[in-house]
Amino acid sequence: MLTAALAFAGVAAIINITPGLDTLLVLRTSVAHGRDGGFAAALGILTGCLAWGVATAIGLTALLTASRLAYDALRIAGAAYLAWLGCTALWRARGGVRRQAREGAAESGEPAGEAVPPSARDRWAAFRAGLATNLLNPKAGLFYMSLIPQFIPAGAPVFRTTLLLTAIDLVELALWYWIVTHAASALGDRIRRPSFRRRLEQLSGVAFLGFAVNLALHDRA
């Protein structure tokens, strides 16, 4: 069991640190709302991963493989949500970032560009974005269902082993997102300048739309 767990940890670590949609969302949220906002988005993603792991343990994600309708419904919903995130980011890049920076500075008395602590509403929105982005992506469910079974030793209890491997993945993801949010925070004022945030929103918007198109056109076969 230890050998299987270590092997899974190594493979999962490589996959987790590969730049992708979830990491982009955490980075973007950390820049827009600071460390607390990034943590909230990461928590949403981790909650989604936990749900996929539990679903894999009890066999629910088999529906995504067995039912074309279930897979396509989740895929289209996920693509639509990512498209909405992309359009929202591009709108913010067009003028929302600068306006929010001015409004935040006026409210806090700080110069424009400095971090304004996120409100409870901002943190809740970041959590929802992370959770929805993960749960509406059928590839996340297929990742757990296709990868985890390969590391379950013969004769090992499937349910408990699946939860164990899911926990290992969650710990690695939490550590990775902690690094991302702290790195974004450590860069300080440079990444919070309206010009940088505007460019980041533009890149994020294009990336989200790209992920949406890729998901919409994705075929299990």
C-alpha atoms as a PDB file:
ATOM      1  CA  MET A   1       0.000   0.000   0.000  1.00  0.00           C
ATOM      2  CA  LEU A   2       2.819   2.400   0.856  1.00  0.00           C
ATOM      3  CA  THR A   3       4.477   1.825  -2.512  1.00  0.00           C
ATOM      4  CA  ALA A   4       1.204   2.445  -4.346  1.00  0.00           C
ATOM      5  CA  ALA A   5       0.526   5.608  -2.327  1.00  0.00           C
ATOM      6  CA  LEU A   6       4.003   7.006  -3.036  1.00  0.00           C
ATOM      7  CA  ALA A   7       3.709   6.191  -6.735  1.00  0.00           C
ATOM      8  CA  PHE A   8       0.324   7.916  -6.894  1.00  0.00           C
ATOM      9  CA  ALA A   9       1.686  10.934  -5.007  1.00  0.00           C
ATOM     10  CA  GLY A  10       4.473  11.345  -7.554  1.00  0.00           C
ATOM     11  CA  VAL A  11       2.185  11.117 -10.582  1.00  0.00           C
ATOM     12  CA  ALA A  12      -0.466  13.355  -9.015  1.00  0.00           C
ATOM     13  CA  ALA A  13       2.154  15.977  -8.090  1.00  0.00           C
ATOM     14  CA  ILE A  14       3.287  16.266 -11.712  1.00  0.00           C
ATOM     15  CA  ILE A  15      -0.296  16.647 -12.892  1.00  0.00           C
ATOM     16  CA  ASN A  16      -1.214  19.124 -10.152  1.00  0.00           C
ATOM     17  CA  ILE A  17       1.624  21.573 -10.833  1.00  0.00           C
ATOM     18  CA  THR A  18       1.055  21.511 -14.585  1.00  0.00           C
ATOM     19  CA  PRO A  19      -0.479  24.917 -15.451  1.00  0.00           C
ATOM     20  CA  GLY A  20      -4.182  24.579 -16.039  1.00  0.00           C
ATOM     21  CA  LEU A  21      -7.608  26.066 -15.454  1.00  0.00           C
ATOM     22  CA  ASP A  22      -7.684  25.674 -11.665  1.00  0.00           C
ATOM     23  CA  THR A  23      -4.222  27.175 -11.143  1.00  0.00           C
ATOM     24  CA  LEU A  24      -5.111  30.077 -13.430  1.00  0.00           C
ATOM     25  CA  LEU A  25      -8.279  30.744 -11.429  1.00  0.00           C
ATOM     26  CA  VAL A  26      -6.377  30.758  -8.111  1.00  0.00           C
ATOM     27  CA  LEU A  27      -3.669  33.060  -9.512  1.00  0.00           C
ATOM     28  CA  ARG A  28      -6.169  35.474 -11.038  1.00  0.00           C
ATOM     29  CA  THR A  29      -8.239  35.597  -7.849  1.00  0.00           C
ATOM     30  CA  SER A  30      -5.112  36.124  -5.720  1.00  0.00           C
ATOM     31  CA  VAL A  31      -4.145  39.121  -7.831  1.00  0.00           C
ATOM     32  CA  ALA A  32      -7.656  40.568  -7.832  1.00  0.00           C
ATOM     33  CA  HIS A  33      -8.567  39.941  -4.185  1.00  0.00           C
ATOM     34  CA  GLY A  34      -5.316  39.173  -2.390  1.00  0.00           C
ATOM     35  CA  ARG A  35      -4.244  36.105  -0.468  1.00  0.00           C
ATOM     36  CA  ASP A  36      -7.610  35.556   1.237  1.00  0.00           C
ATOM     37  CA  GLY A  37      -9.421  35.620  -2.090  1.00  0.00           C
ATOM     38  CA  GLY A  38      -6.961  33.132  -3.556  1.00  0.00           C
ATOM     39  CA  PHE A  39      -7.406  30.846  -0.553  1.00  0.00           C
ATOM     40  CA  ALA A  40     -11.189  31.012  -0.986  1.00  0.00           C
ATOM     41  CA  ALA A  41     -10.973  30.025  -4.654  1.00  0.00           C
ATOM     42  CA  ALA A  42      -8.556  27.223  -3.780  1.00  0.00           C
ATOM     43  CA  LEU A  43     -10.914  25.969  -1.067  1.00  0.00           C
ATOM     44  CA  GLY A  44     -13.732  25.840  -3.605  1.00  0.00           C
ATOM     45  CA  ILE A  45     -11.574  23.801  -5.979  1.00  0.00           C
ATOM     46  CA  LEU A  46     -10.495  21.449  -3.186  1.00  0.00           C
ATOM     47  CA  THR A  47     -14.126  20.965  -2.169  1.00  0.00           C
ATOM     48  CA  GLY A  48     -14.949  20.023  -5.740  1.00  0.00           C
ATOM     49  CA  CYS A  49     -12.029  17.583  -5.867  1.00  0.00           C
ATOM     50  CA  LEU A  50     -13.199  16.014  -2.610  1.00  0.00           C
ATOM     51  CA  ALA A  51     -16.674  15.566  -4.085  1.00  0.00           C
ATOM     52  CA  TRP A  52     -15.210  13.890  -7.190  1.00  0.00           C
ATOM     53  CA  GLY A  53     -13.056  11.638  -5.021  1.00  0.00           C
ATOM     54  CA  VAL A  54     -15.996  10.528  -2.888  1.00  0.00           C
ATOM     55  CA  ALA A  55     -18.100  10.015  -6.009  1.00  0.00           C
ATOM     56  CA  THR A  56     -15.344   7.848  -7.451  1.00  0.00           C
ATOM     57  CA  ALA A  57     -15.172   5.820  -4.237  1.00  0.00           C
ATOM     58  CA  ILE A  58     -18.881   5.001  -4.358  1.00  0.00           C
ATOM     59  CA  GLY A  59     -19.001   4.630  -8.141  1.00  0.00           C
ATOM     60  CA  LEU A  60     -21.102   7.648  -9.125  1.00  0.00           C
ATOM     61  CA  THR A  61     -18.568   8.943 -11.636  1.00  0.00           C
ATOM     62  CA  ALA A  62     -19.131   5.750 -13.614  1.00  0.00           C
ATOM     63  CA  LEU A  63     -22.203   7.604 -14.919  1.00  0.00           C
ATOM     64  CA  LEU A  64     -19.929   9.958 -16.823  1.00  0.00           C
ATOM     65  CA  THR A  65     -18.427   7.003 -18.636  1.00  0.00           C
ATOM     66  CA  ALA A  66     -21.591   4.941 -19.057  1.00  0.00           C
ATOM     67  CA  SER A  67     -24.013   7.733 -19.949  1.00  0.00           C
ATOM     68  CA  ARG A  68     -23.308   9.929 -22.933  1.00  0.00           C
ATOM     69  CA  LEU A  69     -26.200  12.200 -21.972  1.00  0.00           C
ATOM     70  CA  ALA A  70     -24.879  12.786 -18.443  1.00  0.00           C
ATOM     71  CA  TYR A  71     -21.385  13.505 -19.730  1.00  0.00           C
ATOM     72  CA  ASP A  72     -22.572  15.885 -22.454  1.00  0.00           C
ATOM     73  CA  ALA A  73     -24.920  17.747 -20.123  1.00  0.00           C
ATOM     74  CA  LEU A  74     -22.112  18.372 -17.628  1.00  0.00           C
ATOM     75  CA  ARG A  75     -19.685  19.240 -20.420  1.00  0.00           C
ATOM     76  CA  ILE A  76     -21.972  21.851 -22.004  1.00  0.00           C
ATOM     77  CA  ALA A  77     -22.783  23.390 -18.598  1.00  0.00           C
ATOM     78  CA  GLY A  78     -19.078  23.596 -17.798  1.00  0.00           C
ATOM     79  CA  ALA A  79     -18.236  25.150 -21.165  1.00  0.00           C
ATOM     80  CA  ALA A  80     -20.976  27.756 -20.727  1.00  0.00           C
ATOM     81  CA  TYR A  81     -19.716  28.648 -17.260  1.00  0.00           C
ATOM     82  CA  LEU A  82     -16.123  29.000 -18.481  1.00  0.00           C
ATOM     83  CA  ALA A  83     -17.315  31.167 -21.366  1.00  0.00           C
ATOM     84  CA  TRP A  84     -19.096  33.387 -18.841  1.00  0.00           C
ATOM     85  CA  LEU A  85     -15.897  33.654 -16.767  1.00  0.00           C
ATOM     86  CA  GLY A  86     -13.940  34.549 -19.897  1.00  0.00           C
ATOM     87  CA  CYS A  87     -16.366  37.253 -20.991  1.00  0.00           C
ATOM     88  CA  THR A  88     -16.464  38.667 -17.461  1.00  0.00           C
ATOM     89  CA  ALA A  89     -12.663  38.835 -17.333  1.00  0.00           C
ATOM     90  CA  LEU A  90     -12.510  40.614 -20.697  1.00  0.00           C
ATOM     91  CA  TRP A  91     -15.129  43.119 -19.529  1.00  0.00           C
ATOM     92  CA  ARG A  92     -13.088  43.789 -16.404  1.00  0.00           C
ATOM     93  CA  ALA A  93     -10.004  44.321 -18.565  1.00  0.00           C
ATOM     94  CA  ARG A  94     -11.903  46.863 -20.647  1.00  0.00           C
ATOM     95  CA  GLY A  95     -12.414  49.201 -17.721  1.00  0.00           C
ATOM     96  CA  GLY A  96     -13.681  47.416 -14.647  1.00  0.00           C
ATOM     97  CA  VAL A  97     -10.213  46.900 -13.126  1.00  0.00           C
ATOM     98  CA  ARG A  98      -9.286  50.572 -13.212  1.00  0.00           C
ATOM     99  CA  ARG A  99     -12.681  51.646 -11.916  1.00  0.00           C
ATOM    100  CA  GLN A 100     -12.568  49.152  -9.043  1.00  0.00           C
ATOM    101  CA  ALA A 101      -9.023  50.248  -8.180  1.00  0.00           C
ATOM    102  CA  ARG A 102     -10.170  53.881  -7.935  1.00  0.00           C
ATOM    103  CA  GLU A 103     -13.253  52.942  -5.929  1.00  0.00           C
ATOM    104  CA  GLY A 104     -11.242  50.715  -3.585  1.00  0.00           C
ATOM    105  CA  ALA A 105      -8.654  53.443  -3.030  1.00  0.00           C
ATOM    106  CA  ALA A 106     -11.366  56.005  -2.339  1.00  0.00           C
ATOM    107  CA  GLU A 107     -13.022  53.728   0.207  1.00  0.00           C
ATOM    108  CA  SER A 108      -9.859  52.618   1.967  1.00  0.00           C
ATOM    109  CA  GLY A 109      -7.845  55.821   1.723  1.00  0.00           C
ATOM    110  CA  GLU A 110      -4.970  53.880   0.085  1.00  0.00           C
ATOM    111  CA  PRO A 111      -3.295  54.743  -3.199  1.00  0.00           C
ATOM    112  CA  ALA A 112      -4.763  53.003  -6.258  1.00  0.00           C
ATOM    113  CA  GLY A 113      -3.033  49.714  -6.917  1.00  0.00           C
ATOM    114  CA  GLU A 114      -2.553  48.621  -3.308  1.00  0.00           C
ATOM    115  CA  ALA A 115      -4.339  45.534  -2.082  1.00  0.00           C
ATOM    116  CA  VAL A 116      -7.811  46.031  -0.647  1.00  0.00           C
ATOM    117  CA  PRO A 117      -8.833  43.182   1.695  1.00  0.00           C
ATOM    118  CA  PRO A 118     -11.646  41.149   0.128  1.00  0.00           C
ATOM    119  CA  SER A 119     -15.061  41.320   1.709  1.00  0.00           C
ATOM    120  CA  ALA A 120     -16.967  38.262   2.842  1.00  0.00           C
ATOM    121  CA  ARG A 121     -18.981  38.557  -0.364  1.00  0.00           C
ATOM    122  CA  ASP A 122     -15.787  38.542  -2.459  1.00  0.00           C
ATOM    123  CA  ARG A 123     -14.493  35.457  -0.648  1.00  0.00           C
ATOM    124  CA  TRP A 124     -17.804  33.656  -1.079  1.00  0.00           C
ATOM    125  CA  ALA A 125     -17.842  34.528  -4.800  1.00  0.00           C
ATOM    126  CA  ALA A 126     -14.278  33.223  -5.155  1.00  0.00           C
ATOM    127  CA  PHE A 127     -15.223  29.992  -3.370  1.00  0.00           C
ATOM    128  CA  ARG A 128     -18.255  29.520  -5.634  1.00  0.00           C
ATOM    129  CA  ALA A 129     -16.151  30.142  -8.734  1.00  0.00           C
ATOM    130  CA  GLY A 130     -13.596  27.541  -7.676  1.00  0.00           C
ATOM    131  CA  LEU A 131     -16.264  24.994  -6.766  1.00  0.00           C
ATOM    132  CA  ALA A 132     -18.321  25.485  -9.936  1.00  0.00           C
ATOM    133  CA  THR A 133     -15.274  25.466 -12.209  1.00  0.00           C
ATOM    134  CA  ASN A 134     -14.220  22.100 -10.792  1.00  0.00           C
ATOM    135  CA  LEU A 135     -17.612  20.389 -10.486  1.00  0.00           C
ATOM    136  CA  LEU A 136     -18.781  21.467 -13.952  1.00  0.00           C
ATOM    137  CA  ASN A 137     -15.681  19.990 -15.576  1.00  0.00           C
ATOM    138  CA  PRO A 138     -16.320  16.299 -16.368  1.00  0.00           C
ATOM    139  CA  LYS A 139     -12.609  15.883 -17.059  1.00  0.00           C
ATOM    140  CA  ALA A 140     -11.999  16.325 -13.328  1.00  0.00           C
ATOM    141  CA  GLY A 141     -14.284  13.391 -12.583  1.00  0.00           C
ATOM    142  CA  LEU A 142     -12.730  11.258 -15.292  1.00  0.00           C
ATOM    143  CA  PHE A 143      -9.290  12.119 -13.914  1.00  0.00           C
ATOM    144  CA  TYR A 144     -10.151  10.557 -10.571  1.00  0.00           C
ATOM    145  CA  MET A 145     -11.947   7.594 -12.075  1.00  0.00           C
ATOM    146  CA  SER A 146      -9.237   6.783 -14.611  1.00  0.00           C
ATOM    147  CA  LEU A 147      -6.137   7.473 -12.498  1.00  0.00           C
ATOM    148  CA  ILE A 148      -6.940   6.290  -8.974  1.00  0.00           C
ATOM    149  CA  PRO A 149      -7.967   2.708  -9.860  1.00  0.00           C
ATOM    150  CA  GLN A 150      -4.549   2.158 -11.434  1.00  0.00           C
ATOM    151  CA  PHE A 151      -2.901   2.608  -8.018  1.00  0.00           C
ATOM    152  CA  ILE A 152      -5.220   0.421  -5.936  1.00  0.00           C
ATOM    153  CA  PRO A 153      -3.282  -2.733  -4.992  1.00  0.00           C
ATOM    154  CA  ALA A 154      -4.914  -6.083  -5.629  1.00  0.00           C
ATOM    155  CA  GLY A 155      -7.018  -7.133  -2.674  1.00  0.00           C
ATOM    156  CA  ALA A 156      -7.031  -3.659  -1.082  1.00  0.00           C
ATOM    157  CA  PRO A 157     -10.407  -2.238   0.041  1.00  0.00           C
ATOM    158  CA  VAL A 158     -11.482  -0.075  -2.890  1.00  0.00           C
ATOM    159  CA  PHE A 159     -13.540   2.479  -0.965  1.00  0.00           C
ATOM    160  CA  ARG A 160     -10.956   3.234   1.732  1.00  0.00           C
ATOM    161  CA  THR A 161      -8.025   3.174  -0.686  1.00  0.00           C
ATOM    162  CA  THR A 162      -9.785   5.567  -3.050  1.00  0.00           C
ATOM    163  CA  LEU A 163     -10.427   7.979  -0.189  1.00  0.00           C
ATOM    164  CA  LEU A 164      -6.786   7.677   0.900  1.00  0.00           C
ATOM    165  CA  LEU A 165      -5.483   8.513  -2.575  1.00  0.00           C
ATOM    166  CA  THR A 166      -7.993  11.349  -2.827  1.00  0.00           C
ATOM    167  CA  ALA A 167      -6.683  12.743   0.465  1.00  0.00           C
ATOM    168  CA  ILE A 168      -3.104  12.580  -0.849  1.00  0.00           C
ATOM    169  CA  ASP A 169      -4.150  14.516  -3.946  1.00  0.00           C
ATOM    170  CA  LEU A 170      -5.970  17.124  -1.857  1.00  0.00           C
ATOM    171  CA  VAL A 171      -2.943  17.676   0.368  1.00  0.00           C
ATOM    172  CA  GLU A 172      -0.726  18.174  -2.674  1.00  0.00           C
ATOM    173  CA  LEU A 173      -3.207  20.548  -4.274  1.00  0.00           C
ATOM    174  CA  ALA A 174      -3.556  22.543  -1.052  1.00  0.00           C
ATOM    175  CA  LEU A 175       0.222  22.920  -0.845  1.00  0.00           C
ATOM    176  CA  TRP A 176       0.454  23.951  -4.490  1.00  0.00           C
ATOM    177  CA  TYR A 177      -2.301  26.562  -4.167  1.00  0.00           C
ATOM    178  CA  TRP A 178      -0.689  27.850  -0.967  1.00  0.00           C
ATOM    179  CA  ILE A 179       2.512  28.418  -2.958  1.00  0.00           C
ATOM    180  CA  VAL A 180       0.624  30.128  -5.801  1.00  0.00           C
ATOM    181  CA  THR A 181      -1.320  32.482  -3.527  1.00  0.00           C
ATOM    182  CA  HIS A 182       1.736  33.396  -1.447  1.00  0.00           C
ATOM    183  CA  ALA A 183       3.856  33.947  -4.568  1.00  0.00           C
ATOM    184  CA  ALA A 184       1.204  36.252  -6.009  1.00  0.00           C
ATOM    185  CA  SER A 185       1.001  38.106  -2.698  1.00  0.00           C
ATOM    186  CA  ALA A 186       4.793  38.369  -2.390  1.00  0.00           C
ATOM    187  CA  LEU A 187       5.031  40.146  -5.731  1.00  0.00           C
ATOM    188  CA  GLY A 188       3.119  42.921  -4.038  1.00  0.00           C
ATOM    189  CA  ASP A 189       2.298  46.199  -5.694  1.00  0.00           C
ATOM    190  CA  ARG A 190       3.749  45.248  -9.068  1.00  0.00           C
ATOM    191  CA  ILE A 191       1.050  42.709  -9.833  1.00  0.00           C
ATOM    192  CA  ARG A 192      -1.653  44.909  -8.319  1.00  0.00           C
ATOM    193  CA  ARG A 193      -0.994  47.840 -10.604  1.00  0.00           C
ATOM    194  CA  PRO A 194      -4.042  48.458 -12.823  1.00  0.00           C
ATOM    195  CA  SER A 195      -1.953  47.994 -15.990  1.00  0.00           C
ATOM    196  CA  PHE A 196      -0.755  44.544 -14.892  1.00  0.00           C
ATOM    197  CA  ARG A 197      -4.186  43.478 -13.672  1.00  0.00           C
ATOM    198  CA  ARG A 198      -5.711  44.625 -16.948  1.00  0.00           C
ATOM    199  CA  ARG A 199      -3.258  42.450 -18.897  1.00  0.00           C
ATOM    200  CA  LEU A 200      -3.891  39.518 -16.560  1.00  0.00           C
ATOM    201  CA  GLU A 201      -7.650  39.860 -17.002  1.00  0.00           C
ATOM    202  CA  GLN A 202      -7.181  39.933 -20.783  1.00  0.00           C
ATOM    203  CA  LEU A 203      -5.027  36.810 -20.731  1.00  0.00           C
ATOM    204  CA  SER A 204      -7.374  35.112 -18.270  1.00  0.00           C
ATOM    205  CA  GLY A 205     -10.401  35.953 -20.405  1.00  0.00           C
ATOM    206  CA  VAL A 206      -8.825  34.520 -23.536  1.00  0.00           C
ATOM    207  CA  ALA A 207      -7.642  31.439 -21.600  1.00  0.00           C
ATOM    208  CA  PHE A 208     -11.086  30.821 -20.064  1.00  0.00           C
ATOM    209  CA  LEU A 209     -12.711  31.099 -23.496  1.00  0.00           C
ATOM    210  CA  GLY A 210     -10.096  28.694 -24.854  1.00  0.00           C
ATOM    211  CA  PHE A 211     -10.843  26.210 -22.072  1.00  0.00           C
ATOM    212  CA  ALA A 212     -14.564  26.628 -22.812  1.00  0.00           C
ATOM    213  CA  VAL A 213     -14.103  25.835 -26.513  1.00  0.00           C
ATOM    214  CA  ASN A 214     -11.865  22.878 -25.717  1.00  0.00           C
ATOM    215  CA  LEU A 215     -14.389  21.481 -23.240  1.00  0.00           C
ATOM    216  CA  ALA A 216     -17.321  22.050 -25.587  1.00  0.00           C
ATOM    217  CA  LEU A 217     -15.576  20.194 -28.399  1.00  0.00           C
ATOM    218  CA  HIS A 218     -14.089  17.481 -26.181  1.00  0.00           C
ATOM    219  CA  ASP A 219     -15.103  13.952 -27.110  1.00  0.00           C
ATOM    220  CA  ARG A 220     -14.524  11.057 -24.745  1.00  0.00           C
ATOM    221  CA  ALA A 221     -13.583   8.865 -27.685  1.00  0.00           C
END
